[in-house]
Each structure stands twice: as structure tokens, then as C-alpha cells.
Amino acid sequence: MSRSATATLVALGVGAAGESAMAQPQVLPVRGELADVLPWGGLRRGSTVLVRESTSLLLTLMAQATAEGCWAAVAGLPRCGALAAAELGVAVHRLALVPRPGRDRSEVERTVAALLDGFDVVSLATPVTPATARKLSARARHRKAVLLPFGGPWPGADVELRATFGPWHGLARGHGLLADRTVTVHATGRGAAARERTTTLPLPGRPSPAPRPVLRPVQAVAGC
């Protein structure tokens, strides 16, 4: 890692992920329902887990780890904000958002490599070439970090997670607030993850906007 990248991580209070691997847990915790579909019962250090289609699933996947002291970074998702992450349980004081990780593919690769050197969990939503994908997965293995590519495809991913969405809950007869939405998570992969596993979990929704008042014409009353 370059001196400038190292200095930035030190300023944030983040040590290099590979420096104390012997003292670190080898599987990072996740929410219980997600533990059921991951072959290691959590996020194994050095693994690559592809997340498709759902930003909410991505943030939920890293929430428990950040709550228990791990650092996470999300690169290439400019619409991902701290408020949405907090609503899904992410400890945002341990979350770095990198909306635009580079102006070209080589800069993206260098940026993500530096993040893998210093963060426990790193997500990348910017498309990269298959060769770069393999390099970054190898970097994650070497640095004992967890790589979470978002969108896909990602050759050589250990596990692939995709979500299908059920109905919203919370609205009743035209009133109320959106409370949560049932999501079914499907997990497939290589080795121990070859057999597909599924689980369901509720994910919180955003409050629906307050209804606008409806103006109705008032008829004139005789004598007024």
C-alpha cells in the first residue's frame, strides 16, 4: 500500500487488515437469517461474496460486523448514504463511503486494493474486467479482508447472494406508514456453497410521504 493510503487509514484509526490476522476472528458476524445461508455461518475473511440487485441486502450483510467493531467501505455507489446504512443497522462511524473510486479502471483497482489493505469488509459496485476481479479477490485473500462485489458478474466468487422481494407491510386501507418488506435471499456458490440455500428476512422501509390535503370546492350558502 502507498504511503499516502497508509497515512489516510492511520488518520481514520484503521490498521492494515492483514497486520493482526492471528488475533482477529476468521469469520465476521452477520444477521442470524443470513448466517443460515452462508457456508461459514458468517463472512469468512479472505472470501469474495457477490451481492446482486439489492443495496439493502448489501448493507444488512455488513451491519453486524460493523456493530461489533469491524470497519467497512462501500465504493462506487454514489446514491448510498449514511442514513440508509444506519436504518439497516450499520455502525456508520465505522463506514467509509467512496462514491467514485477512480476516473479509470486502473485507478479503481488501486483504490480498492488500498481499501482491502485497511478495511475488514469492502464492497465495490464499479464494473471491472475479469482480470481485475481476480486480482482483487486474490488481494482480499492475502489481506484477510472480505470483498463484496455488488451487481456482478464476478468470476471466481465464493458465494453469490440475490434477493427477491415480497410485499410491503404497514399500510392498511390507504393509510399508515411503510414498515418493512419481506425479502427472500438465495445463496449459491462453490464448494460448500454449491447447494442453493434460501432464507427470508424483513428489511425496513422508508416512511411514505404524508398525503397532501385535498381542496374541495365549497358551495355558497344562501343568505351568506
Protein backbone atom coordinates (compact mmCIF):
# COMPACT_ATOMS: atom_id res chain seq x y z
CA MET A 1 0.00 0.00 0.00
CA SER A 2 1.28 3.51 -0.78
CA ARG A 3 2.44 5.85 1.98
CA SER A 4 -0.42 8.26 1.29
CA ALA A 5 -3.02 5.49 1.53
CA THR A 6 -1.42 4.21 4.74
CA ALA A 7 -1.44 7.69 6.25
CA THR A 8 -5.12 8.11 5.39
CA LEU A 9 -6.05 4.84 7.07
CA VAL A 10 -3.99 5.66 10.15
CA ALA A 11 -5.74 9.03 10.40
CA LEU A 12 -9.08 7.22 10.36
CA GLY A 13 -7.87 4.90 13.11
CA VAL A 14 -7.86 1.87 10.83
CA GLY A 15 -4.97 -0.59 10.90
CA ALA A 16 -3.99 -2.74 7.96
CA ALA A 17 -6.31 -5.73 7.81
CA GLY A 18 -3.51 -8.23 7.45
CA GLU A 19 -1.27 -6.93 10.26
CA SER A 20 -3.00 -8.71 13.13
CA ALA A 21 -4.83 -11.52 11.32
CA MET A 22 -3.82 -14.04 14.01
CA ALA A 23 -5.69 -12.07 16.69
CA GLN A 24 -8.80 -11.48 14.55
CA PRO A 25 -11.83 -13.74 14.27
CA GLN A 26 -11.70 -15.59 10.96
CA VAL A 27 -15.48 -15.31 10.40
CA LEU A 28 -17.19 -11.95 10.75
CA PRO A 29 -20.69 -11.98 12.26
CA VAL A 30 -23.84 -11.39 10.21
CA ARG A 31 -27.54 -11.22 10.99
CA GLY A 32 -28.91 -14.61 12.02
CA GLU A 33 -31.03 -15.24 8.94
CA LEU A 34 -28.05 -14.55 6.68
CA ALA A 35 -25.78 -16.79 8.74
CA ASP A 36 -28.08 -19.67 7.81
CA VAL A 37 -27.32 -19.35 4.09
CA LEU A 38 -23.57 -18.65 4.26
CA PRO A 39 -21.41 -21.81 4.34
CA TRP A 40 -19.23 -20.40 7.15
CA GLY A 41 -22.07 -19.04 9.29
CA GLY A 42 -20.83 -15.51 8.58
CA LEU A 43 -18.37 -13.65 6.35
CA ARG A 44 -15.12 -15.60 6.21
CA ARG A 45 -12.02 -13.45 6.00
CA GLY A 46 -10.42 -13.72 2.57
CA SER A 47 -13.66 -14.63 0.82
CA THR A 48 -15.49 -12.95 -2.05
CA VAL A 49 -19.28 -12.76 -1.75
CA LEU A 50 -21.16 -11.33 -4.74
CA VAL A 51 -24.34 -9.42 -3.87
CA ARG A 52 -26.83 -8.82 -6.68
CA GLU A 53 -29.72 -6.40 -7.10
CA SER A 54 -30.29 -5.13 -3.55
CA THR A 55 -28.41 -2.32 -1.80
CA SER A 56 -30.45 -3.06 1.32
CA LEU A 57 -29.16 -6.64 1.35
CA LEU A 58 -25.60 -5.41 0.89
CA LEU A 59 -25.80 -3.03 3.86
CA THR A 60 -27.60 -5.60 6.02
CA LEU A 61 -24.81 -8.06 5.25
CA MET A 62 -22.17 -5.76 6.74
CA ALA A 63 -24.26 -4.35 9.60
CA GLN A 64 -23.47 -6.86 12.36
CA ALA A 65 -19.74 -6.82 11.66
CA THR A 66 -19.55 -3.03 11.95
CA ALA A 67 -21.66 -3.11 15.11
CA GLU A 68 -19.04 -5.41 16.66
CA GLY A 69 -16.03 -3.29 15.77
CA CYS A 70 -15.15 -4.05 12.14
CA TRP A 71 -14.54 -1.34 9.54
CA ALA A 72 -16.33 -1.35 6.18
CA ALA A 73 -16.08 0.60 2.93
CA VAL A 74 -18.52 0.95 0.04
CA ALA A 75 -17.05 2.11 -3.27
CA GLY A 76 -18.88 3.05 -6.45
CA LEU A 77 -22.39 3.58 -5.03
CA PRO A 78 -22.94 7.37 -5.11
CA ARG A 79 -26.59 7.02 -4.05
CA CYS A 80 -25.70 5.05 -0.92
CA GLY A 81 -25.96 7.35 2.09
CA ALA A 82 -25.17 7.13 5.78
CA LEU A 83 -28.83 7.50 6.77
CA ALA A 84 -29.91 4.46 4.74
CA ALA A 85 -26.98 2.47 6.15
CA ALA A 86 -27.89 3.43 9.72
CA GLU A 87 -31.51 2.37 9.18
CA LEU A 88 -30.25 -1.09 8.25
CA GLY A 89 -28.06 -1.40 11.33
CA VAL A 90 -24.65 -0.33 10.01
CA ALA A 91 -22.44 1.47 12.53
CA VAL A 92 -21.83 4.46 10.27
CA HIS A 93 -18.87 5.76 12.32
CA ARG A 94 -17.04 2.67 11.02
CA LEU A 95 -18.26 3.03 7.43
CA ALA A 96 -16.37 4.79 4.63
CA LEU A 97 -18.29 5.81 1.51
CA VAL A 98 -16.27 6.25 -1.69
CA PRO A 99 -18.84 7.32 -4.31
CA ARG A 100 -16.36 7.47 -7.21
CA PRO A 101 -13.30 5.28 -6.61
CA GLY A 102 -11.48 6.31 -9.78
CA ARG A 103 -11.54 8.02 -13.13
CA ASP A 104 -10.44 4.88 -14.99
CA ARG A 105 -10.19 1.15 -14.38
CA SER A 106 -6.59 1.22 -13.21
CA GLU A 107 -7.35 3.89 -10.61
CA VAL A 108 -10.39 1.92 -9.42
CA GLU A 109 -8.19 -1.15 -8.99
CA ARG A 110 -5.58 0.80 -6.97
CA THR A 111 -8.24 2.41 -4.78
CA VAL A 112 -9.98 -0.85 -3.95
CA ALA A 113 -6.66 -2.58 -3.33
CA ALA A 114 -5.80 0.13 -0.78
CA LEU A 115 -9.20 -0.29 0.87
CA LEU A 116 -8.67 -4.05 1.12
CA ASP A 117 -5.36 -3.34 2.88
CA GLY A 118 -7.07 -1.35 5.62
CA PHE A 119 -10.72 -2.37 5.98
CA ASP A 120 -12.30 -5.59 7.14
CA VAL A 121 -15.16 -5.50 4.60
CA VAL A 122 -15.02 -3.77 1.21
CA SER A 123 -17.82 -3.52 -1.34
CA LEU A 124 -17.29 -2.46 -4.95
CA ALA A 125 -20.13 -1.55 -7.32
CA THR A 126 -17.99 -0.21 -10.18
CA PRO A 127 -17.67 -2.69 -13.09
CA VAL A 128 -14.18 -4.11 -13.61
CA THR A 129 -12.62 -6.55 -16.05
CA PRO A 130 -12.47 -10.27 -15.21
CA ALA A 131 -8.70 -9.96 -14.77
CA THR A 132 -9.11 -7.12 -12.27
CA ALA A 133 -11.82 -9.05 -10.45
CA ARG A 134 -9.46 -11.98 -9.97
CA LYS A 135 -6.67 -9.66 -8.77
CA LEU A 136 -8.93 -8.02 -6.19
CA SER A 137 -10.23 -11.37 -4.92
CA ALA A 138 -6.62 -12.51 -4.54
CA ARG A 139 -5.84 -9.29 -2.68
CA ALA A 140 -8.74 -9.92 -0.32
CA ARG A 141 -7.46 -13.44 0.39
CA HIS A 142 -3.95 -12.18 1.05
CA ARG A 143 -5.06 -9.32 3.32
CA LYS A 144 -7.72 -11.40 5.12
CA ALA A 145 -10.45 -8.94 4.15
CA VAL A 146 -13.96 -9.71 2.88
CA LEU A 147 -14.72 -8.49 -0.64
CA LEU A 148 -18.38 -7.84 -1.50
CA PRO A 149 -18.75 -7.06 -5.22
CA PHE A 150 -22.15 -5.53 -5.94
CA GLY A 151 -24.06 -6.07 -9.17
CA GLY A 152 -21.88 -8.54 -11.00
CA PRO A 153 -20.83 -10.68 -12.64
CA TRP A 154 -17.70 -11.54 -10.66
CA PRO A 155 -15.68 -14.57 -11.79
CA GLY A 156 -14.50 -16.84 -9.01
CA ALA A 157 -16.82 -15.52 -6.29
CA ASP A 158 -17.10 -17.97 -3.41
CA VAL A 159 -20.79 -17.20 -2.81
CA GLU A 160 -23.45 -15.31 -4.76
CA LEU A 161 -26.42 -13.75 -2.98
CA ARG A 162 -29.51 -12.49 -4.78
CA ALA A 163 -32.76 -11.17 -3.40
CA THR A 164 -36.39 -11.39 -4.44
CA PHE A 165 -38.85 -9.02 -2.86
CA GLY A 166 -42.24 -9.64 -1.32
CA PRO A 167 -44.98 -7.16 -0.46
CA TRP A 168 -44.58 -4.12 1.77
CA HIS A 169 -46.13 -4.17 5.23
CA GLY A 170 -47.50 -1.29 7.26
CA LEU A 171 -50.20 0.21 5.03
CA ALA A 172 -53.82 -0.54 5.90
CA ARG A 173 -56.78 0.57 3.82
CA GLY A 174 -54.95 3.52 2.34
CA HIS A 175 -53.30 4.90 5.48
CA GLY A 176 -50.29 4.22 7.68
CA LEU A 177 -46.53 4.06 7.04
CA LEU A 178 -44.37 1.56 5.19
CA ALA A 179 -42.78 -0.51 7.95
CA ASP A 180 -40.84 -3.33 6.29
CA ARG A 181 -40.67 -5.61 3.28
CA THR A 182 -40.11 -9.34 3.21
CA VAL A 183 -37.03 -10.34 1.22
CA THR A 184 -36.09 -13.86 0.17
CA VAL A 185 -32.33 -14.34 -0.12
CA HIS A 186 -30.94 -17.07 -2.39
CA ALA A 187 -27.33 -18.23 -1.90
CA THR A 188 -25.29 -20.32 -4.32
CA GLY A 189 -21.58 -20.75 -4.84
CA ARG A 190 -18.64 -23.08 -4.96
CA GLY A 191 -17.59 -25.97 -2.74
CA ALA A 192 -19.62 -25.99 0.46
CA ALA A 193 -21.96 -23.38 -1.05
CA ALA A 194 -22.77 -25.38 -4.21
CA ARG A 195 -26.22 -26.36 -2.91
CA GLU A 196 -28.63 -23.42 -3.06
CA ARG A 197 -29.90 -22.17 0.28
CA THR A 198 -32.69 -19.70 0.91
CA THR A 199 -33.88 -17.61 3.84
CA THR A 200 -36.38 -14.82 4.39
CA LEU A 201 -35.97 -11.67 6.43
CA PRO A 202 -37.80 -8.38 6.86
CA LEU A 203 -35.95 -5.25 5.80
CA PRO A 204 -37.09 -1.83 6.98
CA GLY A 205 -38.76 0.55 4.56
CA ARG A 206 -38.78 4.30 4.35
CA PRO A 207 -41.82 6.16 5.68
CA SER A 208 -44.32 7.00 3.00
CA PRO A 209 -44.78 10.74 2.39
CA ALA A 210 -47.62 12.42 4.21
CA PRO A 211 -50.70 12.76 2.00
CA ARG A 212 -51.33 16.17 0.55
CA PRO A 213 -54.53 17.90 1.66
CA VAL A 214 -57.34 17.72 -0.87
CA LEU A 215 -59.06 21.03 -1.56
CA ARG A 216 -62.77 20.71 -2.23
CA PRO A 217 -64.95 23.49 -3.66
CA VAL A 218 -67.34 24.99 -1.11
CA GLN A 219 -70.83 25.79 -2.31
CA ALA A 220 -72.21 29.21 -1.45
CA VAL A 221 -74.95 29.16 1.18
CA ALA A 222 -77.96 31.35 0.56
CA GLY A 223 -78.09 34.36 2.86
CA CYS A 224 -74.34 34.50 3.48
